[in-house]
């Protein structure tokens, strides 16, 4: 693709991306504001619904306690507490119970029936025997009966159901029920169950108002369906006709509601899609409440007002596209000419001709780019010269290195002659000292690797210590405690000798009658630590800090190099370790006056070949 078309695309992107972002952000923000307003308004309504229903349910809970405060009712229930024997209640019992239940139901049209059931399945109700099933039906098979039994005396809400003890009635009710216990023995003596028309919940809903297409679902705290109000959009969807049919099976309604609630619970977004309809779900489930409410508002209804904004944004974007294309065609011709010139010069430079300069005709970005190209060519020419000169210096250094190898051989031969003379005259101490000195020189000037095994470094250190022990006789004691499995660990060459020399100087050369040096090694968190300890005079915290500052300084101060106590050797060791392994490795010094000095060496734990 040519630069001209890329420029046109660039202009389009520069104009269209911000414009699209602005349009999208405006649209999204506006839609978000509408959703928030709807959400907040609906939340307030749900809270009002919950308060109304909670207030009513709490009143029903209190009503279930009233039989416990009427001794005659308790006596009747006790007489019928055995489920093994049954006798038809006496008229006096029926009259008393009917009177008590009628008092409970007085002026409460929303209550369909209040039933008090004995343990032997006798039923006392305000409805009379003509509207209730005879004793032959089995309460144990009723799911609500099992729930009340499991509650064991707690007053509970029973979700929407069609009780089987009503004759020729499939009307669904929700109920509040409780097991009644003998206040003395705490035995179960019966159940009170209050059935409420679902239409009462609908009347509570009429006090609040959502849109015609909204769905409202009321559940108990176990998630069982108590009531649902279905919106127009949901009703007319073909997948939902079975659910809203008046003859629909209650299990089918519960299954559809549970599917919907699962989508709400598992959705990461604020909106959910159910049967092809997008909803904004609003849920309220107070911890102290026996119910939870869910309202689903169709997203399309909320965003109706934002459609005009979206259409206006699309028209505006189209106008800007046309303007952008015209501007891009006019500007591209002026911009591309100097760029083509720069490209041609770069092709020549790529072929190895670095003596290229581009004519600069403007002070804009292209002019700056041309100037940058010219400076780059100049720097490349300078770098080529520097590389050439560096190669010459390296060749020089190689020649000098070859020449320097002549002198060590002469020294080795001389030391060997002295060694033989010492042995001939029986001067074995001199022979040992000369032999150790020869090993030191060989190790120092050898061209081996700069990083070696610990065992090789210890062998070199032993030669150095042999000479020092001959010098100081019994005044110097050295102990090495580095486990054999660490002998293959890597260490920079000539690391320990400068530290040992420093320890001997401060331990014996300052008037001490004896000196003790300990070398310890261990591994911790894949770091190989070596500690060189002496019992010398030590140093103050101020001196210790000054020495650490010198170790970490970029350069040694002028004149320090001639002072053997200045720490220059330690600084060289410290810098070599950092250069080889990184800044977190190196030396650390810990010392106290008249308590000696500890020098810690931190190295990466690696064996040769790793």
Foldseek 3Di string as FASTA:
>chain_A
DDPLVVLLVVLLCVPQVVLVVVLVVVLVVVLVVLVVVQQVVVLVVQVVLQVVVQVVVVVVQVLQCVCVVDVLSVVQLVVQQDLVDDDDDDPVNLVVLLVVQCVSCPPPPQWPKKWKAFNNGDIRMVVDPVFFAPSPDDPVPDPVSVVQVVVLFHWAKAAWAQDPGTPPDRATWIKIKGFDADPPPRHGRIMIIITGHVVVSVVSCVVDDDDQQKKKFKAFPVRFTRDIDHHPVQCPQVVCVLLPPPPHDPVVVRVLVVVVVVQCVPDPDQWGADSRFIWRKHKDDDPVGRMIMIMTDTSCVSCVVSPVSSVVSVVVSVVVSVVSSVVSNVVSVVPVPLVVQVVVQVVVVVVPPLPDARDQDDDDPSSVVRVVSVVVSVVVVVVVVVVVVVVVVVVVVVVVLVVVVVVLVVVLVVLVVVLVVCVVVVVVLSNLLSVLVNVLSCLVSPPDDQKFFQLVQVVNVVSVVSNVCSVLPQQEAEEEAEDPVRRQWIDGHPQVVLVVVLQCCQAPVVPHSHKYWYWHWDDDPQKIKIKIWMQGQWDDPVVLVQLVCCLPDPDHDPPLVVDSNNCPVQSVSQVVQCVVAHDVFGWHKDTDGSRTIMIMGIHGGDGPPD
